[in-house]
Amino acid sequence: MDRWIAVSLASAFRRSGPPPIAVDLGYGAAPWTAVELLGRLRAVRRDVQVYGVEIDPGRVTGALPFAREGLGFHLGGFEVPLPVPEGHRPLLIRAANVLRQYDEEEVAAVWARLCRRLAPGGLLVEGTCDEIGRRHVWVALGPEGPRTVTFATRLGSLGAPSDLAERLPKALIHRNLPGEPVHRFLGDFDRAWKVAAPYGALSVRQRWMRAVEALAERWPVVDGPGRWRQGEVTVRWSALAPAG
């Protein structure tokens, strides 16, 4: 996810006048994801500021020893409180594994609330991953709403693309049913994966890339081979949005 963010927001970070802000919302029991995000984004722009925001006071207290120049930790939730001048809004809000405990009906309102906190040109990236980040699916949203869905995996651990179904974000995980677009997408992806099986003799990466290439003939895939090689594929949200 961090690699994808760094590429997707690189030009926006570089265009920003004051030091750009990124938020790791709900970083969890330990602050490592915020620390890693800072390192990834500072390769794009050296003065980026990362703030970890948690609703649990104990987690904030536990993270404070890891604060440093450009990295801070603060108590809060979806209001995303930040110790910055009024009007200086984040270019990125990343929320990984945050909405899992919410009802599907609550997701749209949370998305809208977080998107209102974004600076012009900013992104909300919200999704779900497994415990060590081998499988991950996220939605990217701008102020106007959801734009894309990205499926990402450590290719060596993948049995079939539909293995990613268990990591669909809250807005989609209960929609993996016959008649729903995301269910058709994963079924087509699995079929393309099976057809591409001979390329597995070269590498699982080659098999994945051939499967995505075939998938792109039927679905609005918006990225290209450079991202596919990373074990990713990004599709327009409108093609996977829940039916009805």
C-alpha atoms as a PDB file:
ATOM      1  CA  MET A   1       0.000   0.000   0.000  1.00  0.00           C
ATOM      2  CA  ASP A   2       2.791   2.434   0.882  1.00  0.00           C
ATOM      3  CA  ARG A   3       4.524   1.814  -2.446  1.00  0.00           C
ATOM      4  CA  TRP A   4       1.280   2.485  -4.300  1.00  0.00           C
ATOM      5  CA  ILE A   5       0.618   5.652  -2.310  1.00  0.00           C
ATOM      6  CA  ALA A   6       4.113   7.000  -2.943  1.00  0.00           C
ATOM      7  CA  VAL A   7       3.669   6.598  -6.702  1.00  0.00           C
ATOM      8  CA  SER A   8       0.068   7.814  -6.845  1.00  0.00           C
ATOM      9  CA  LEU A   9       0.641  10.964  -4.781  1.00  0.00           C
ATOM     10  CA  ALA A  10       4.212  11.776  -5.820  1.00  0.00           C
ATOM     11  CA  SER A  11       3.312  14.745  -8.020  1.00  0.00           C
ATOM     12  CA  ALA A  12       0.834  16.128  -5.461  1.00  0.00           C
ATOM     13  CA  PHE A  13       3.429  15.916  -2.685  1.00  0.00           C
ATOM     14  CA  ARG A  14       6.030  17.653  -4.823  1.00  0.00           C
ATOM     15  CA  ARG A  15       3.630  20.439  -5.877  1.00  0.00           C
ATOM     16  CA  SER A  16       2.575  21.210  -2.317  1.00  0.00           C
ATOM     17  CA  GLY A  17       3.875  24.530  -1.016  1.00  0.00           C
ATOM     18  CA  PRO A  18       4.149  23.959   2.755  1.00  0.00           C
ATOM     19  CA  PRO A  19       5.367  20.589   4.035  1.00  0.00           C
ATOM     20  CA  PRO A  20       2.689  18.078   2.986  1.00  0.00           C
ATOM     21  CA  ILE A  21       0.799  16.124   5.639  1.00  0.00           C
ATOM     22  CA  ALA A  22       0.010  12.400   5.687  1.00  0.00           C
ATOM     23  CA  VAL A  23      -2.134  10.712   8.338  1.00  0.00           C
ATOM     24  CA  ASP A  24      -1.964   7.087   9.464  1.00  0.00           C
ATOM     25  CA  LEU A  25      -5.435   6.773  10.972  1.00  0.00           C
ATOM     26  CA  GLY A  26      -5.875   3.932  13.440  1.00  0.00           C
ATOM     27  CA  TYR A  27      -2.293   2.704  13.345  1.00  0.00           C
ATOM     28  CA  GLY A  28      -2.993   0.064  15.977  1.00  0.00           C
ATOM     29  CA  ALA A  29      -1.229  -1.393  18.983  1.00  0.00           C
ATOM     30  CA  ALA A  30       2.247  -0.395  17.767  1.00  0.00           C
ATOM     31  CA  PRO A  31       3.372   2.589  15.673  1.00  0.00           C
ATOM     32  CA  TRP A  32       5.347   0.693  13.034  1.00  0.00           C
ATOM     33  CA  THR A  33       3.013   1.464  10.147  1.00  0.00           C
ATOM     34  CA  ALA A  34       3.381   5.209  10.749  1.00  0.00           C
ATOM     35  CA  VAL A  35       7.164   4.879  11.030  1.00  0.00           C
ATOM     36  CA  GLU A  36       7.304   2.937   7.766  1.00  0.00           C
ATOM     37  CA  LEU A  37       4.983   5.404   6.010  1.00  0.00           C
ATOM     38  CA  LEU A  38       7.298   8.268   6.935  1.00  0.00           C
ATOM     39  CA  GLY A  39      10.271   6.458   5.439  1.00  0.00           C
ATOM     40  CA  ARG A  40       8.430   5.672   2.225  1.00  0.00           C
ATOM     41  CA  LEU A  41       7.082   9.191   1.714  1.00  0.00           C
ATOM     42  CA  ARG A  42      10.333  10.934   2.586  1.00  0.00           C
ATOM     43  CA  ALA A  43      11.829   9.260  -0.455  1.00  0.00           C
ATOM     44  CA  VAL A  44       9.330  11.386  -2.425  1.00  0.00           C
ATOM     45  CA  ARG A  45       9.647  14.623  -0.441  1.00  0.00           C
ATOM     46  CA  ARG A  46      12.025  15.186   2.432  1.00  0.00           C
ATOM     47  CA  ASP A  47       9.851  17.526   4.507  1.00  0.00           C
ATOM     48  CA  VAL A  48       6.660  15.449   4.543  1.00  0.00           C
ATOM     49  CA  GLN A  49       4.979  15.297   7.950  1.00  0.00           C
ATOM     50  CA  VAL A  50       3.314  12.070   9.130  1.00  0.00           C
ATOM     51  CA  TYR A  51       0.829  11.977  12.002  1.00  0.00           C
ATOM     52  CA  GLY A  52      -0.395   8.762  13.576  1.00  0.00           C
ATOM     53  CA  VAL A  53      -3.913   9.195  14.964  1.00  0.00           C
ATOM     54  CA  GLU A  54      -5.461   6.680  17.379  1.00  0.00           C
ATOM     55  CA  ILE A  55      -8.662   6.654  19.400  1.00  0.00           C
ATOM     56  CA  ASP A  56      -7.042   4.604  22.202  1.00  0.00           C
ATOM     57  CA  PRO A  57      -5.129   6.842  24.659  1.00  0.00           C
ATOM     58  CA  GLY A  58      -2.878   3.954  25.699  1.00  0.00           C
ATOM     59  CA  ARG A  59      -1.755   3.397  22.132  1.00  0.00           C
ATOM     60  CA  VAL A  60      -0.929   7.066  21.737  1.00  0.00           C
ATOM     61  CA  THR A  61       1.084   7.064  24.955  1.00  0.00           C
ATOM     62  CA  GLY A  62       2.918   3.925  23.852  1.00  0.00           C
ATOM     63  CA  ALA A  63       3.809   5.488  20.497  1.00  0.00           C
ATOM     64  CA  LEU A  64       5.167   8.787  21.841  1.00  0.00           C
ATOM     65  CA  PRO A  65       8.736   7.457  22.401  1.00  0.00           C
ATOM     66  CA  PHE A  66       8.902   6.881  18.641  1.00  0.00           C
ATOM     67  CA  ALA A  67       7.991  10.462  17.736  1.00  0.00           C
ATOM     68  CA  ARG A  68      10.683  12.371  15.893  1.00  0.00           C
ATOM     69  CA  GLU A  69      11.092  15.274  13.532  1.00  0.00           C
ATOM     70  CA  GLY A  70       8.332  14.813  10.965  1.00  0.00           C
ATOM     71  CA  LEU A  71       6.488  12.103  12.924  1.00  0.00           C
ATOM     72  CA  GLY A  72       3.927  12.723  15.656  1.00  0.00           C
ATOM     73  CA  PHE A  73       1.163  10.788  17.410  1.00  0.00           C
ATOM     74  CA  HIS A  74      -2.181  12.203  18.488  1.00  0.00           C
ATOM     75  CA  LEU A  75      -5.432  11.130  20.103  1.00  0.00           C
ATOM     76  CA  GLY A  76      -8.490  11.213  17.872  1.00  0.00           C
ATOM     77  CA  GLY A  77     -10.786   9.480  15.444  1.00  0.00           C
ATOM     78  CA  PHE A  78     -12.564  10.339  12.229  1.00  0.00           C
ATOM     79  CA  GLU A  79     -12.355  14.060  12.993  1.00  0.00           C
ATOM     80  CA  VAL A  80      -8.587  13.682  12.375  1.00  0.00           C
ATOM     81  CA  PRO A  81      -7.313  16.331  14.822  1.00  0.00           C
ATOM     82  CA  LEU A  82      -3.892  17.660  13.856  1.00  0.00           C
ATOM     83  CA  PRO A  83      -1.593  20.230  15.500  1.00  0.00           C
ATOM     84  CA  VAL A  84      -1.260  22.291  12.317  1.00  0.00           C
ATOM     85  CA  PRO A  85      -2.469  25.747  11.222  1.00  0.00           C
ATOM     86  CA  GLU A  86      -6.130  25.948  10.241  1.00  0.00           C
ATOM     87  CA  GLY A  87      -6.552  25.274   6.545  1.00  0.00           C
ATOM     88  CA  HIS A  88      -3.432  23.090   6.270  1.00  0.00           C
ATOM     89  CA  ARG A  89      -5.139  19.802   5.482  1.00  0.00           C
ATOM     90  CA  PRO A  90      -3.616  16.372   4.792  1.00  0.00           C
ATOM     91  CA  LEU A  91      -2.815  15.205   1.279  1.00  0.00           C
ATOM     92  CA  LEU A  92      -3.182  11.633   2.490  1.00  0.00           C
ATOM     93  CA  ILE A  93      -5.342   9.858   5.030  1.00  0.00           C
ATOM     94  CA  ARG A  94      -4.557   6.164   5.195  1.00  0.00           C
ATOM     95  CA  ALA A  95      -6.970   3.933   7.116  1.00  0.00           C
ATOM     96  CA  ALA A  96      -5.938   0.273   7.051  1.00  0.00           C
ATOM     97  CA  ASN A  97      -8.051  -2.270   8.951  1.00  0.00           C
ATOM     98  CA  VAL A  98     -10.039   0.544  10.578  1.00  0.00           C
ATOM     99  CA  LEU A  99     -13.582  -0.034   9.271  1.00  0.00           C
ATOM    100  CA  ARG A 100     -13.688  -3.796   9.755  1.00  0.00           C
ATOM    101  CA  GLN A 101     -15.761  -3.525  12.939  1.00  0.00           C
ATOM    102  CA  TYR A 102     -18.278  -1.093  11.417  1.00  0.00           C
ATOM    103  CA  ASP A 103     -21.484  -1.971   9.598  1.00  0.00           C
ATOM    104  CA  GLU A 104     -21.463  -1.701   5.821  1.00  0.00           C
ATOM    105  CA  GLU A 105     -24.190   0.957   6.034  1.00  0.00           C
ATOM    106  CA  GLU A 106     -21.828   3.215   7.999  1.00  0.00           C
ATOM    107  CA  VAL A 107     -18.989   3.189   5.486  1.00  0.00           C
ATOM    108  CA  ALA A 108     -20.233   5.872   3.088  1.00  0.00           C
ATOM    109  CA  ALA A 109     -20.675   8.414   5.878  1.00  0.00           C
ATOM    110  CA  VAL A 110     -17.178   7.709   7.251  1.00  0.00           C
ATOM    111  CA  TRP A 111     -15.685   8.023   3.768  1.00  0.00           C
ATOM    112  CA  ALA A 112     -17.428  11.355   3.243  1.00  0.00           C
ATOM    113  CA  ARG A 113     -16.305  12.671   6.626  1.00  0.00           C
ATOM    114  CA  LEU A 114     -12.679  11.761   6.016  1.00  0.00           C
ATOM    115  CA  CYS A 115     -12.686  13.072   2.446  1.00  0.00           C
ATOM    116  CA  ARG A 116     -13.839  16.467   3.736  1.00  0.00           C
ATOM    117  CA  ARG A 117     -10.580  16.645   5.697  1.00  0.00           C
ATOM    118  CA  LEU A 118      -8.427  16.253   2.570  1.00  0.00           C
ATOM    119  CA  ALA A 119      -6.462  19.002   0.890  1.00  0.00           C
ATOM    120  CA  PRO A 120      -7.153  19.622  -2.810  1.00  0.00           C
ATOM    121  CA  GLY A 121      -5.585  16.788  -4.782  1.00  0.00           C
ATOM    122  CA  GLY A 122      -5.492  14.545  -1.713  1.00  0.00           C
ATOM    123  CA  LEU A 123      -6.430  10.901  -1.284  1.00  0.00           C
ATOM    124  CA  LEU A 124      -8.163   8.769   1.295  1.00  0.00           C
ATOM    125  CA  VAL A 125      -6.862   5.196   1.067  1.00  0.00           C
ATOM    126  CA  GLU A 126      -9.035   2.751   3.014  1.00  0.00           C
ATOM    127  CA  GLY A 127      -8.730  -1.006   2.994  1.00  0.00           C
ATOM    128  CA  THR A 128      -7.982  -4.272   4.713  1.00  0.00           C
ATOM    129  CA  CYS A 129      -4.903  -6.499   4.830  1.00  0.00           C
ATOM    130  CA  ASP A 130      -3.836  -9.688   6.539  1.00  0.00           C
ATOM    131  CA  GLU A 131      -1.646  -9.638   9.617  1.00  0.00           C
ATOM    132  CA  ILE A 132       1.681  -9.427   7.795  1.00  0.00           C
ATOM    133  CA  GLY A 133       0.582  -7.557   4.679  1.00  0.00           C
ATOM    134  CA  ARG A 134       0.705 -10.401   2.149  1.00  0.00           C
ATOM    135  CA  ARG A 135      -2.820  -9.747   0.875  1.00  0.00           C
ATOM    136  CA  HIS A 136      -4.414  -6.342   0.724  1.00  0.00           C
ATOM    137  CA  VAL A 137      -7.366  -4.672  -0.999  1.00  0.00           C
ATOM    138  CA  TRP A 138      -7.994  -0.942  -0.762  1.00  0.00           C
ATOM    139  CA  VAL A 139     -10.226   1.792  -2.136  1.00  0.00           C
ATOM    140  CA  ALA A 140      -8.757   5.164  -3.140  1.00  0.00           C
ATOM    141  CA  LEU A 141     -11.077   8.148  -2.742  1.00  0.00           C
ATOM    142  CA  GLY A 142     -10.846  11.820  -3.618  1.00  0.00           C
ATOM    143  CA  PRO A 143     -13.088  14.607  -2.343  1.00  0.00           C
ATOM    144  CA  GLU A 144     -15.702  13.534  -4.908  1.00  0.00           C
ATOM    145  CA  GLY A 145     -15.815   9.950  -3.627  1.00  0.00           C
ATOM    146  CA  PRO A 146     -14.370   6.533  -4.482  1.00  0.00           C
ATOM    147  CA  ARG A 147     -12.187   6.267  -7.569  1.00  0.00           C
ATOM    148  CA  THR A 148     -10.444   2.903  -7.709  1.00  0.00           C
ATOM    149  CA  VAL A 149     -10.004  -0.464  -6.012  1.00  0.00           C
ATOM    150  CA  THR A 150      -6.533  -2.028  -5.814  1.00  0.00           C
ATOM    151  CA  PHE A 151      -5.844  -5.728  -5.252  1.00  0.00           C
ATOM    152  CA  ALA A 152      -2.313  -6.441  -4.042  1.00  0.00           C
ATOM    153  CA  THR A 153      -0.578  -9.623  -2.971  1.00  0.00           C
ATOM    154  CA  ARG A 154       2.762 -11.196  -2.236  1.00  0.00           C
ATOM    155  CA  LEU A 155       2.742 -13.407  -5.299  1.00  0.00           C
ATOM    156  CA  GLY A 156       4.618 -16.295  -3.745  1.00  0.00           C
ATOM    157  CA  SER A 157       1.795 -16.811  -1.232  1.00  0.00           C
ATOM    158  CA  LEU A 158      -1.079 -16.696  -3.739  1.00  0.00           C
ATOM    159  CA  GLY A 159      -3.135 -19.771  -4.565  1.00  0.00           C
ATOM    160  CA  ALA A 160      -5.691 -17.943  -6.713  1.00  0.00           C
ATOM    161  CA  PRO A 161      -6.779 -14.303  -7.076  1.00  0.00           C
ATOM    162  CA  SER A 162     -10.006 -15.059  -5.212  1.00  0.00           C
ATOM    163  CA  ASP A 163      -7.834 -15.648  -2.112  1.00  0.00           C
ATOM    164  CA  LEU A 164      -7.991 -11.858  -1.830  1.00  0.00           C
ATOM    165  CA  ALA A 165     -11.756 -11.971  -1.249  1.00  0.00           C
ATOM    166  CA  GLU A 166     -11.280 -12.355   2.506  1.00  0.00           C
ATOM    167  CA  ARG A 167      -9.438  -9.007   2.525  1.00  0.00           C
ATOM    168  CA  LEU A 168     -12.031  -6.989   0.644  1.00  0.00           C
ATOM    169  CA  PRO A 169     -12.763  -3.679   2.420  1.00  0.00           C
ATOM    170  CA  LYS A 170     -15.970  -3.355   4.391  1.00  0.00           C
ATOM    171  CA  ALA A 171     -17.809  -1.715   1.477  1.00  0.00           C
ATOM    172  CA  LEU A 172     -17.306  -4.849  -0.649  1.00  0.00           C
ATOM    173  CA  ILE A 173     -16.691  -7.878   1.563  1.00  0.00           C
ATOM    174  CA  HIS A 174     -20.379  -8.671   2.061  1.00  0.00           C
ATOM    175  CA  ARG A 175     -20.990  -8.184  -1.673  1.00  0.00           C
ATOM    176  CA  ASN A 176     -18.919 -11.130  -2.847  1.00  0.00           C
ATOM    177  CA  LEU A 177     -22.106 -12.933  -3.885  1.00  0.00           C
ATOM    178  CA  PRO A 178     -23.584 -14.054  -7.216  1.00  0.00           C
ATOM    179  CA  GLY A 179     -25.039 -11.073  -9.051  1.00  0.00           C
ATOM    180  CA  GLU A 180     -22.603  -8.576  -7.560  1.00  0.00           C
ATOM    181  CA  PRO A 181     -19.848  -6.977  -9.708  1.00  0.00           C
ATOM    182  CA  VAL A 182     -17.006  -7.849  -7.321  1.00  0.00           C
ATOM    183  CA  HIS A 183     -18.045 -11.516  -7.413  1.00  0.00           C
ATOM    184  CA  ARG A 184     -17.981 -11.506 -11.235  1.00  0.00           C
ATOM    185  CA  PHE A 185     -14.615  -9.775 -11.189  1.00  0.00           C
ATOM    186  CA  LEU A 186     -13.002 -12.327  -8.890  1.00  0.00           C
ATOM    187  CA  GLY A 187     -14.502 -15.168 -10.914  1.00  0.00           C
ATOM    188  CA  ASP A 188     -13.083 -13.727 -14.140  1.00  0.00           C
ATOM    189  CA  PHE A 189      -9.743 -13.201 -12.431  1.00  0.00           C
ATOM    190  CA  ASP A 190      -9.613 -16.827 -11.281  1.00  0.00           C
ATOM    191  CA  ARG A 191     -10.421 -18.034 -14.802  1.00  0.00           C
ATOM    192  CA  ALA A 192      -7.693 -15.826 -16.280  1.00  0.00           C
ATOM    193  CA  TRP A 193      -5.293 -17.167 -13.637  1.00  0.00           C
ATOM    194  CA  LYS A 194      -6.051 -20.753 -14.642  1.00  0.00           C
ATOM    195  CA  VAL A 195      -5.592 -20.008 -18.341  1.00  0.00           C
ATOM    196  CA  ALA A 196      -2.245 -18.346 -17.548  1.00  0.00           C
ATOM    197  CA  ALA A 197      -1.021 -21.420 -15.638  1.00  0.00           C
ATOM    198  CA  PRO A 198       1.622 -22.357 -18.271  1.00  0.00           C
ATOM    199  CA  TYR A 199       3.418 -19.071 -17.587  1.00  0.00           C
ATOM    200  CA  GLY A 200       3.957 -20.250 -14.028  1.00  0.00           C
ATOM    201  CA  ALA A 201       6.842 -22.320 -15.404  1.00  0.00           C
ATOM    202  CA  LEU A 202       8.616 -18.989 -15.986  1.00  0.00           C
ATOM    203  CA  SER A 203       7.574 -17.382 -12.668  1.00  0.00           C
ATOM    204  CA  VAL A 204       4.485 -16.650 -10.646  1.00  0.00           C
ATOM    205  CA  ARG A 205       5.030 -12.993 -11.589  1.00  0.00           C
ATOM    206  CA  GLN A 206       4.705 -13.827 -15.269  1.00  0.00           C
ATOM    207  CA  ARG A 207       1.549 -15.807 -14.571  1.00  0.00           C
ATOM    208  CA  TRP A 208       0.039 -12.899 -12.644  1.00  0.00           C
ATOM    209  CA  MET A 209       0.896 -10.409 -15.382  1.00  0.00           C
ATOM    210  CA  ARG A 210      -0.632 -12.570 -18.108  1.00  0.00           C
ATOM    211  CA  ALA A 211      -3.763 -13.071 -16.039  1.00  0.00           C
ATOM    212  CA  VAL A 212      -4.135  -9.328 -15.437  1.00  0.00           C
ATOM    213  CA  GLU A 213      -3.521  -8.633 -19.122  1.00  0.00           C
ATOM    214  CA  ALA A 214      -6.420 -10.938 -19.997  1.00  0.00           C
ATOM    215  CA  LEU A 215      -8.574  -9.438 -17.245  1.00  0.00           C
ATOM    216  CA  ALA A 216      -8.013  -5.950 -18.674  1.00  0.00           C
ATOM    217  CA  GLU A 217      -9.821  -6.973 -21.850  1.00  0.00           C
ATOM    218  CA  ARG A 218     -13.076  -7.216 -19.871  1.00  0.00           C
ATOM    219  CA  TRP A 219     -12.611  -4.873 -16.914  1.00  0.00           C
ATOM    220  CA  PRO A 220     -11.487  -1.213 -16.634  1.00  0.00           C
ATOM    221  CA  VAL A 221      -7.967  -1.815 -15.313  1.00  0.00           C
ATOM    222  CA  VAL A 222      -6.333   1.589 -14.884  1.00  0.00           C
ATOM    223  CA  ASP A 223      -2.689   0.707 -14.257  1.00  0.00           C
ATOM    224  CA  GLY A 224      -0.096  -1.074 -16.377  1.00  0.00           C
ATOM    225  CA  PRO A 225       2.682  -3.661 -16.348  1.00  0.00           C
ATOM    226  CA  GLY A 226       4.897  -1.595 -14.050  1.00  0.00           C
ATOM    227  CA  ARG A 227       2.369  -2.009 -11.241  1.00  0.00           C
ATOM    228  CA  TRP A 228       1.320  -5.526 -12.216  1.00  0.00           C
ATOM    229  CA  ARG A 229       4.902  -6.641 -11.677  1.00  0.00           C
ATOM    230  CA  GLN A 230       4.506  -5.575  -8.040  1.00  0.00           C
ATOM    231  CA  GLY A 231       1.620  -8.019  -7.602  1.00  0.00           C
ATOM    232  CA  GLU A 232      -1.022  -5.316  -7.989  1.00  0.00           C
ATOM    233  CA  VAL A 233      -3.975  -4.496 -10.208  1.00  0.00           C
ATOM    234  CA  THR A 234      -6.176  -1.409  -9.935  1.00  0.00           C
ATOM    235  CA  VAL A 235      -9.734  -1.231 -11.284  1.00  0.00           C
ATOM    236  CA  ARG A 236     -12.217   1.632 -11.487  1.00  0.00           C
ATOM    237  CA  TRP A 237     -14.536   1.713  -8.486  1.00  0.00           C
ATOM    238  CA  SER A 238     -17.566   2.188 -10.728  1.00  0.00           C
ATOM    239  CA  ALA A 239     -17.034  -1.305 -12.183  1.00  0.00           C
ATOM    240  CA  LEU A 240     -17.003  -3.012  -8.758  1.00  0.00           C
ATOM    241  CA  ALA A 241     -19.413  -0.815  -6.783  1.00  0.00           C
ATOM    242  CA  PRO A 242     -22.206  -2.745  -5.035  1.00  0.00           C
ATOM    243  CA  ALA A 243     -25.272  -3.403  -7.162  1.00  0.00           C
ATOM    244  CA  GLY A 244     -28.470  -1.729  -6.052  1.00  0.00           C
END
